[in-house]
Amino acid sequence: MFSIVIPSWNNLAYLKLCVESLKKHSKYEHEILVHLNDGSDGSLEWVKAEGISTRSLPRTSVSVCLSTICWHRPGMTGYCS
């Protein structure tokens, strides 16, 4: 078994797509861990209702999710400027 860690910050729609895709297409036993930074879009409630393990940090610490957003921003080379 292996763990899949998903950072999330106010992107419930994408989080649902990601989790549903993992459940539907994964061939191997795994656990899903969602790292939630203090958000307001209902992600925490949805994750709890789905029975998914969560980790969270207070609003003052959004570095994990911000670094993920910056990494995937078009035209960026793996960091925010």
PDB file of N, CA and C in Angstrom:
ATOM      1  N   MET A   1       0.839  -1.169   0.000  1.00  0.00           N
ATOM      2  CA  MET A   1       0.000   0.000   0.000  1.00  0.00           C
ATOM      3  C   MET A   1       0.890   1.240   0.000  1.00  0.00           C
ATOM      4  N   PHE A   2       0.389   2.310  -0.627  1.00  0.00           N
ATOM      5  CA  PHE A   2       1.117   3.566  -0.645  1.00  0.00           C
ATOM      6  C   PHE A   2       0.154   4.719  -0.364  1.00  0.00           C
ATOM      7  N   SER A   3       0.726   5.886  -0.077  1.00  0.00           N
ATOM      8  CA  SER A   3      -0.072   7.066   0.254  1.00  0.00           C
ATOM      9  C   SER A   3      -0.020   8.076  -0.882  1.00  0.00           C
ATOM     10  N   ILE A   4      -1.141   8.714  -1.121  1.00  0.00           N
ATOM     11  CA  ILE A   4      -1.236   9.795  -2.089  1.00  0.00           C
ATOM     12  C   ILE A   4      -1.606  11.047  -1.306  1.00  0.00           C
ATOM     13  N   VAL A   5      -0.754  12.062  -1.357  1.00  0.00           N
ATOM     14  CA  VAL A   5      -0.993  13.303  -0.635  1.00  0.00           C
ATOM     15  C   VAL A   5      -1.451  14.364  -1.630  1.00  0.00           C
ATOM     16  N   ILE A   6      -2.587  14.975  -1.339  1.00  0.00           N
ATOM     17  CA  ILE A   6      -3.149  16.001  -2.211  1.00  0.00           C
ATOM     18  C   ILE A   6      -3.219  17.315  -1.429  1.00  0.00           C
ATOM     19  N   PRO A   7      -2.415  18.325  -1.810  1.00  0.00           N
ATOM     20  CA  PRO A   7      -2.562  19.633  -1.179  1.00  0.00           C
ATOM     21  C   PRO A   7      -3.769  20.352  -1.769  1.00  0.00           C
ATOM     22  N   SER A   8      -4.517  21.054  -0.939  1.00  0.00           N
ATOM     23  CA  SER A   8      -5.716  21.721  -1.433  1.00  0.00           C
ATOM     24  C   SER A   8      -5.971  23.001  -0.651  1.00  0.00           C
ATOM     25  N   TRP A   9      -6.400  24.031  -1.368  1.00  0.00           N
ATOM     26  CA  TRP A   9      -6.729  25.303  -0.733  1.00  0.00           C
ATOM     27  C   TRP A   9      -7.803  25.997  -1.550  1.00  0.00           C
ATOM     28  N   ASN A  10      -9.023  25.934  -1.087  1.00  0.00           N
ATOM     29  CA  ASN A  10     -10.172  26.559  -1.753  1.00  0.00           C
ATOM     30  C   ASN A  10     -10.342  26.115  -3.206  1.00  0.00           C
ATOM     31  N   ASN A  11     -10.249  24.827  -3.458  1.00  0.00           N
ATOM     32  CA  ASN A  11     -10.473  24.308  -4.810  1.00  0.00           C
ATOM     33  C   ASN A  11     -11.260  22.997  -4.747  1.00  0.00           C
ATOM     34  N   LEU A  12     -12.404  23.045  -4.102  1.00  0.00           N
ATOM     35  CA  LEU A  12     -13.211  21.849  -3.862  1.00  0.00           C
ATOM     36  C   LEU A  12     -13.564  21.118  -5.153  1.00  0.00           C
ATOM     37  N   ALA A  13     -13.910  21.830  -6.198  1.00  0.00           N
ATOM     38  CA  ALA A  13     -14.290  21.172  -7.452  1.00  0.00           C
ATOM     39  C   ALA A  13     -13.150  20.301  -7.995  1.00  0.00           C
ATOM     40  N   TYR A  14     -11.928  20.832  -7.982  1.00  0.00           N
ATOM     41  CA  TYR A  14     -10.779  20.060  -8.462  1.00  0.00           C
ATOM     42  C   TYR A  14     -10.422  18.928  -7.513  1.00  0.00           C
ATOM     43  N   LEU A  15     -10.573  19.169  -6.220  1.00  0.00           N
ATOM     44  CA  LEU A  15     -10.308  18.127  -5.241  1.00  0.00           C
ATOM     45  C   LEU A  15     -11.241  16.939  -5.455  1.00  0.00           C
ATOM     46  N   LYS A  16     -12.531  17.223  -5.682  1.00  0.00           N
ATOM     47  CA  LYS A  16     -13.490  16.144  -5.945  1.00  0.00           C
ATOM     48  C   LYS A  16     -13.108  15.360  -7.194  1.00  0.00           C
ATOM     49  N   LEU A  17     -12.748  16.061  -8.264  1.00  0.00           N
ATOM     50  CA  LEU A  17     -12.339  15.384  -9.502  1.00  0.00           C
ATOM     51  C   LEU A  17     -11.133  14.487  -9.273  1.00  0.00           C
ATOM     52  N   CYS A  18     -10.169  14.996  -8.544  1.00  0.00           N
ATOM     53  CA  CYS A  18      -8.947  14.245  -8.281  1.00  0.00           C
ATOM     54  C   CYS A  18      -9.238  12.977  -7.480  1.00  0.00           C
ATOM     55  N   VAL A  19      -9.979  13.116  -6.398  1.00  0.00           N
ATOM     56  CA  VAL A  19     -10.280  11.973  -5.539  1.00  0.00           C
ATOM     57  C   VAL A  19     -11.139  10.949  -6.278  1.00  0.00           C
ATOM     58  N   GLU A  20     -12.149  11.408  -6.991  1.00  0.00           N
ATOM     59  CA  GLU A  20     -13.007  10.491  -7.739  1.00  0.00           C
ATOM     60  C   GLU A  20     -12.213   9.741  -8.807  1.00  0.00           C
ATOM     61  N   SER A  21     -11.294  10.422  -9.478  1.00  0.00           N
ATOM     62  CA  SER A  21     -10.461   9.767 -10.484  1.00  0.00           C
ATOM     63  C   SER A  21      -9.554   8.713  -9.861  1.00  0.00           C
ATOM     64  N   LEU A  22      -8.963   9.032  -8.716  1.00  0.00           N
ATOM     65  CA  LEU A  22      -8.111   8.054  -8.029  1.00  0.00           C
ATOM     66  C   LEU A  22      -8.901   6.818  -7.636  1.00  0.00           C
ATOM     67  N   LYS A  23     -10.088   7.024  -7.091  1.00  0.00           N
ATOM     68  CA  LYS A  23     -10.915   5.889  -6.678  1.00  0.00           C
ATOM     69  C   LYS A  23     -11.335   5.037  -7.869  1.00  0.00           C
ATOM     70  N   LYS A  24     -11.614   5.668  -8.977  1.00  0.00           N
ATOM     71  CA  LYS A  24     -12.104   4.957 -10.152  1.00  0.00           C
ATOM     72  C   LYS A  24     -11.004   4.222 -10.911  1.00  0.00           C
ATOM     73  N   HIS A  25      -9.814   4.817 -10.982  1.00  0.00           N
ATOM     74  CA  HIS A  25      -8.789   4.290 -11.880  1.00  0.00           C
ATOM     75  C   HIS A  25      -7.604   3.611 -11.218  1.00  0.00           C
ATOM     76  N   SER A  26      -7.471   3.718  -9.915  1.00  0.00           N
ATOM     77  CA  SER A  26      -6.311   3.113  -9.271  1.00  0.00           C
ATOM     78  C   SER A  26      -6.460   1.596  -9.195  1.00  0.00           C
ATOM     79  N   LYS A  27      -5.400   0.909  -9.562  1.00  0.00           N
ATOM     80  CA  LYS A  27      -5.391  -0.556  -9.533  1.00  0.00           C
ATOM     81  C   LYS A  27      -4.742  -1.090  -8.259  1.00  0.00           C
ATOM     82  N   TYR A  28      -4.133  -0.187  -7.489  1.00  0.00           N
ATOM     83  CA  TYR A  28      -3.366  -0.615  -6.331  1.00  0.00           C
ATOM     84  C   TYR A  28      -3.981  -0.067  -5.052  1.00  0.00           C
ATOM     85  N   GLU A  29      -3.802  -0.816  -3.974  1.00  0.00           N
ATOM     86  CA  GLU A  29      -4.306  -0.375  -2.684  1.00  0.00           C
ATOM     87  C   GLU A  29      -3.546   0.884  -2.262  1.00  0.00           C
ATOM     88  N   HIS A  30      -4.283   1.881  -1.817  1.00  0.00           N
ATOM     89  CA  HIS A  30      -3.664   3.148  -1.442  1.00  0.00           C
ATOM     90  C   HIS A  30      -4.509   3.865  -0.396  1.00  0.00           C
ATOM     91  N   GLU A  31      -3.916   4.854   0.212  1.00  0.00           N
ATOM     92  CA  GLU A  31      -4.666   5.745   1.088  1.00  0.00           C
ATOM     93  C   GLU A  31      -4.525   7.148   0.518  1.00  0.00           C
ATOM     94  N   ILE A  32      -5.561   7.940   0.680  1.00  0.00           N
ATOM     95  CA  ILE A  32      -5.543   9.322   0.221  1.00  0.00           C
ATOM     96  C   ILE A  32      -5.470  10.214   1.455  1.00  0.00           C
ATOM     97  N   LEU A  33      -4.498  11.103   1.469  1.00  0.00           N
ATOM     98  CA  LEU A  33      -4.354  12.095   2.527  1.00  0.00           C
ATOM     99  C   LEU A  33      -4.512  13.465   1.881  1.00  0.00           C
ATOM    100  N   VAL A  34      -5.396  14.276   2.402  1.00  0.00           N
ATOM    101  CA  VAL A  34      -5.590  15.617   1.868  1.00  0.00           C
ATOM    102  C   VAL A  34      -5.031  16.622   2.867  1.00  0.00           C
ATOM    103  N   HIS A  35      -4.100  17.436   2.397  1.00  0.00           N
ATOM    104  CA  HIS A  35      -3.550  18.506   3.222  1.00  0.00           C
ATOM    105  C   HIS A  35      -4.354  19.761   2.917  1.00  0.00           C
ATOM    106  N   LEU A  36      -5.155  20.196   3.887  1.00  0.00           N
ATOM    107  CA  LEU A  36      -6.008  21.368   3.704  1.00  0.00           C
ATOM    108  C   LEU A  36      -5.439  22.553   4.455  1.00  0.00           C
ATOM    109  N   ASN A  37      -5.219  23.626   3.727  1.00  0.00           N
ATOM    110  CA  ASN A  37      -4.931  24.885   4.392  1.00  0.00           C
ATOM    111  C   ASN A  37      -6.257  25.573   4.621  1.00  0.00           C
ATOM    112  N   ASP A  38      -6.355  26.283   5.701  1.00  0.00           N
ATOM    113  CA  ASP A  38      -7.592  26.925   6.137  1.00  0.00           C
ATOM    114  C   ASP A  38      -8.322  27.586   4.969  1.00  0.00           C
ATOM    115  N   GLY A  39      -9.378  26.968   4.506  1.00  0.00           N
ATOM    116  CA  GLY A  39     -10.137  27.501   3.378  1.00  0.00           C
ATOM    117  C   GLY A  39     -11.593  27.702   3.741  1.00  0.00           C
ATOM    118  N   SER A  40     -12.360  28.183   2.768  1.00  0.00           N
ATOM    119  CA  SER A  40     -13.757  28.508   3.052  1.00  0.00           C
ATOM    120  C   SER A  40     -14.712  27.951   2.001  1.00  0.00           C
ATOM    121  N   ASP A  41     -14.279  26.940   1.252  1.00  0.00           N
ATOM    122  CA  ASP A  41     -15.108  26.436   0.151  1.00  0.00           C
ATOM    123  C   ASP A  41     -15.836  25.139   0.463  1.00  0.00           C
ATOM    124  N   GLY A  42     -15.761  24.661   1.692  1.00  0.00           N
ATOM    125  CA  GLY A  42     -16.443  23.424   2.061  1.00  0.00           C
ATOM    126  C   GLY A  42     -15.600  22.172   1.894  1.00  0.00           C
ATOM    127  N   SER A  43     -14.329  22.338   1.561  1.00  0.00           N
ATOM    128  CA  SER A  43     -13.460  21.170   1.361  1.00  0.00           C
ATOM    129  C   SER A  43     -13.358  20.296   2.599  1.00  0.00           C
ATOM    130  N   LEU A  44     -13.179  20.919   3.755  1.00  0.00           N
ATOM    131  CA  LEU A  44     -13.031  20.141   4.987  1.00  0.00           C
ATOM    132  C   LEU A  44     -14.273  19.302   5.257  1.00  0.00           C
ATOM    133  N   GLU A  45     -15.431  19.883   5.091  1.00  0.00           N
ATOM    134  CA  GLU A  45     -16.677  19.151   5.318  1.00  0.00           C
ATOM    135  C   GLU A  45     -16.824  17.995   4.328  1.00  0.00           C
ATOM    136  N   TRP A  46     -16.475  18.230   3.072  1.00  0.00           N
ATOM    137  CA  TRP A  46     -16.582  17.188   2.044  1.00  0.00           C
ATOM    138  C   TRP A  46     -15.613  16.041   2.326  1.00  0.00           C
ATOM    139  N   VAL A  47     -14.369  16.389   2.675  1.00  0.00           N
ATOM    140  CA  VAL A  47     -13.354  15.372   2.964  1.00  0.00           C
ATOM    141  C   VAL A  47     -13.794  14.508   4.151  1.00  0.00           C
ATOM    142  N   LYS A  48     -14.306  15.156   5.183  1.00  0.00           N
ATOM    143  CA  LYS A  48     -14.793  14.399   6.346  1.00  0.00           C
ATOM    144  C   LYS A  48     -15.947  13.483   5.964  1.00  0.00           C
ATOM    145  N   ALA A  49     -16.881  13.979   5.163  1.00  0.00           N
ATOM    146  CA  ALA A  49     -18.030  13.168   4.739  1.00  0.00           C
ATOM    147  C   ALA A  49     -17.591  11.966   3.907  1.00  0.00           C
ATOM    148  N   GLU A  50     -16.501  12.117   3.163  1.00  0.00           N
ATOM    149  CA  GLU A  50     -15.971  11.026   2.336  1.00  0.00           C
ATOM    150  C   GLU A  50     -15.116  10.051   3.139  1.00  0.00           C
ATOM    151  N   GLY A  51     -14.799  10.390   4.380  1.00  0.00           N
ATOM    152  CA  GLY A  51     -13.967   9.525   5.212  1.00  0.00           C
ATOM    153  C   GLY A  51     -12.497   9.557   4.833  1.00  0.00           C
ATOM    154  N   ILE A  52     -12.047  10.648   4.249  1.00  0.00           N
ATOM    155  CA  ILE A  52     -10.655  10.793   3.816  1.00  0.00           C
ATOM    156  C   ILE A  52      -9.849  11.425   4.945  1.00  0.00           C
ATOM    157  N   SER A  53      -8.630  10.928   5.143  1.00  0.00           N
ATOM    158  CA  SER A  53      -7.752  11.487   6.175  1.00  0.00           C
ATOM    159  C   SER A  53      -7.317  12.887   5.772  1.00  0.00           C
ATOM    160  N   THR A  54      -7.243  13.776   6.754  1.00  0.00           N
ATOM    161  CA  THR A  54      -6.827  15.149   6.476  1.00  0.00           C
ATOM    162  C   THR A  54      -5.726  15.592   7.421  1.00  0.00           C
ATOM    163  N   ARG A  55      -4.975  16.531   6.950  1.00  0.00           N
ATOM    164  CA  ARG A  55      -4.007  17.271   7.755  1.00  0.00           C
ATOM    165  C   ARG A  55      -4.287  18.731   7.439  1.00  0.00           C
ATOM    166  N   SER A  56      -4.071  19.598   8.400  1.00  0.00           N
ATOM    167  CA  SER A  56      -4.310  21.010   8.124  1.00  0.00           C
ATOM    168  C   SER A  56      -3.358  21.871   8.925  1.00  0.00           C
ATOM    169  N   LEU A  57      -3.197  23.088   8.452  1.00  0.00           N
ATOM    170  CA  LEU A  57      -2.391  24.095   9.119  1.00  0.00           C
ATOM    171  C   LEU A  57      -3.224  25.360   9.223  1.00  0.00           C
ATOM    172  N   PRO A  58      -2.901  26.223  10.168  1.00  0.00           N
ATOM    173  CA  PRO A  58      -3.663  27.460  10.292  1.00  0.00           C
ATOM    174  C   PRO A  58      -3.489  28.361   9.066  1.00  0.00           C
ATOM    175  N   ARG A  59      -4.378  29.336   8.944  1.00  0.00           N
ATOM    176  CA  ARG A  59      -4.394  30.255   7.803  1.00  0.00           C
ATOM    177  C   ARG A  59      -3.034  30.894   7.539  1.00  0.00           C
ATOM    178  N   THR A  60      -2.240  31.092   8.563  1.00  0.00           N
ATOM    179  CA  THR A  60      -0.955  31.764   8.390  1.00  0.00           C
ATOM    180  C   THR A  60       0.070  30.895   7.677  1.00  0.00           C
ATOM    181  N   SER A  61      -0.239  29.645   7.414  1.00  0.00           N
ATOM    182  CA  SER A  61       0.718  28.750   6.771  1.00  0.00           C
ATOM    183  C   SER A  61       0.095  28.116   5.534  1.00  0.00           C
ATOM    184  N   VAL A  62       0.225  28.778   4.404  1.00  0.00           N
ATOM    185  CA  VAL A  62      -0.330  28.252   3.157  1.00  0.00           C
ATOM    186  C   VAL A  62       0.771  27.869   2.176  1.00  0.00           C
ATOM    187  N   SER A  63       1.976  27.675   2.674  1.00  0.00           N
ATOM    188  CA  SER A  63       3.123  27.456   1.800  1.00  0.00           C
ATOM    189  C   SER A  63       2.998  26.221   0.921  1.00  0.00           C
ATOM    190  N   VAL A  64       2.465  25.114   1.434  1.00  0.00           N
ATOM    191  CA  VAL A  64       2.352  23.898   0.627  1.00  0.00           C
ATOM    192  C   VAL A  64       1.475  24.145  -0.589  1.00  0.00           C
ATOM    193  N   CYS A  65       0.321  24.733  -0.371  1.00  0.00           N
ATOM    194  CA  CYS A  65      -0.599  24.949  -1.481  1.00  0.00           C
ATOM    195  C   CYS A  65      -0.150  26.070  -2.386  1.00  0.00           C
ATOM    196  N   LEU A  66       0.422  27.113  -1.849  1.00  0.00           N
ATOM    197  CA  LEU A  66       0.917  28.184  -2.704  1.00  0.00           C
ATOM    198  C   LEU A  66       2.054  27.695  -3.583  1.00  0.00           C
ATOM    199  N   SER A  67       2.929  26.858  -3.052  1.00  0.00           N
ATOM    200  CA  SER A  67       4.017  26.351  -3.873  1.00  0.00           C
ATOM    201  C   SER A  67       3.478  25.452  -4.984  1.00  0.00           C
ATOM    202  N   THR A  68       2.404  24.715  -4.709  1.00  0.00           N
ATOM    203  CA  THR A  68       1.798  23.874  -5.737  1.00  0.00           C
ATOM    204  C   THR A  68       1.165  24.733  -6.823  1.00  0.00           C
ATOM    205  N   ILE A  69       0.476  25.795  -6.432  1.00  0.00           N
ATOM    206  CA  ILE A  69      -0.140  26.689  -7.400  1.00  0.00           C
ATOM    207  C   ILE A  69       0.934  27.321  -8.270  1.00  0.00           C
ATOM    208  N   CYS A  70       2.024  27.773  -7.670  1.00  0.00           N
ATOM    209  CA  CYS A  70       3.093  28.419  -8.422  1.00  0.00           C
ATOM    210  C   CYS A  70       3.768  27.444  -9.375  1.00  0.00           C
ATOM    211  N   TRP A  71       3.936  26.232  -8.950  1.00  0.00           N
ATOM    212  CA  TRP A  71       4.598  25.235  -9.778  1.00  0.00           C
ATOM    213  C   TRP A  71       3.816  24.985 -11.060  1.00  0.00           C
ATOM    214  N   HIS A  72       2.510  25.016 -10.980  1.00  0.00           N
ATOM    215  CA  HIS A  72       1.680  24.690 -12.130  1.00  0.00           C
ATOM    216  C   HIS A  72       1.197  25.905 -12.904  1.00  0.00           C
ATOM    217  N   ARG A  73       1.595  27.096 -12.507  1.00  0.00           N
ATOM    218  CA  ARG A  73       1.175  28.307 -13.203  1.00  0.00           C
ATOM    219  C   ARG A  73       1.861  28.365 -14.567  1.00  0.00           C
ATOM    220  N   PRO A  74       1.109  28.597 -15.643  1.00  0.00           N
ATOM    221  CA  PRO A  74       1.707  28.672 -16.986  1.00  0.00           C
ATOM    222  C   PRO A  74       2.831  29.688 -17.034  1.00  0.00           C
ATOM    223  N   GLY A  75       3.916  29.306 -17.671  1.00  0.00           N
ATOM    224  CA  GLY A  75       5.045  30.193 -17.826  1.00  0.00           C
ATOM    225  C   GLY A  75       6.014  30.194 -16.659  1.00  0.00           C
ATOM    226  N   MET A  76       5.684  29.485 -15.597  1.00  0.00           N
ATOM    227  CA  MET A  76       6.581  29.459 -14.435  1.00  0.00           C
ATOM    228  C   MET A  76       7.520  28.276 -14.566  1.00  0.00           C
ATOM    229  N   THR A  77       8.681  28.377 -13.951  1.00  0.00           N
ATOM    230  CA  THR A  77       9.677  27.329 -14.056  1.00  0.00           C
ATOM    231  C   THR A  77       9.851  26.568 -12.751  1.00  0.00           C
ATOM    232  N   GLY A  78       8.803  26.472 -11.961  1.00  0.00           N
ATOM    233  CA  GLY A  78       8.897  25.705 -10.728  1.00  0.00           C
ATOM    234  C   GLY A  78       8.982  26.554  -9.489  1.00  0.00           C
ATOM    235  N   TYR A  79       8.797  27.853  -9.634  1.00  0.00           N
ATOM    236  CA  TYR A  79       8.825  28.717  -8.471  1.00  0.00           C
ATOM    237  C   TYR A  79       8.019  29.967  -8.742  1.00  0.00           C
ATOM    238  N   CYS A  80       7.633  30.644  -7.691  1.00  0.00           N
ATOM    239  CA  CYS A  80       6.920  31.922  -7.842  1.00  0.00           C
ATOM    240  C   CYS A  80       7.917  33.057  -7.785  1.00  0.00           C
ATOM    241  N   SER A  81       7.680  34.049  -8.585  1.00  0.00           N
ATOM    242  CA  SER A  81       8.572  35.203  -8.546  1.00  0.00           C
ATOM    243  C   SER A  81       7.855  36.384  -7.943  1.00  0.00           C
TER     244      SER A  81
END
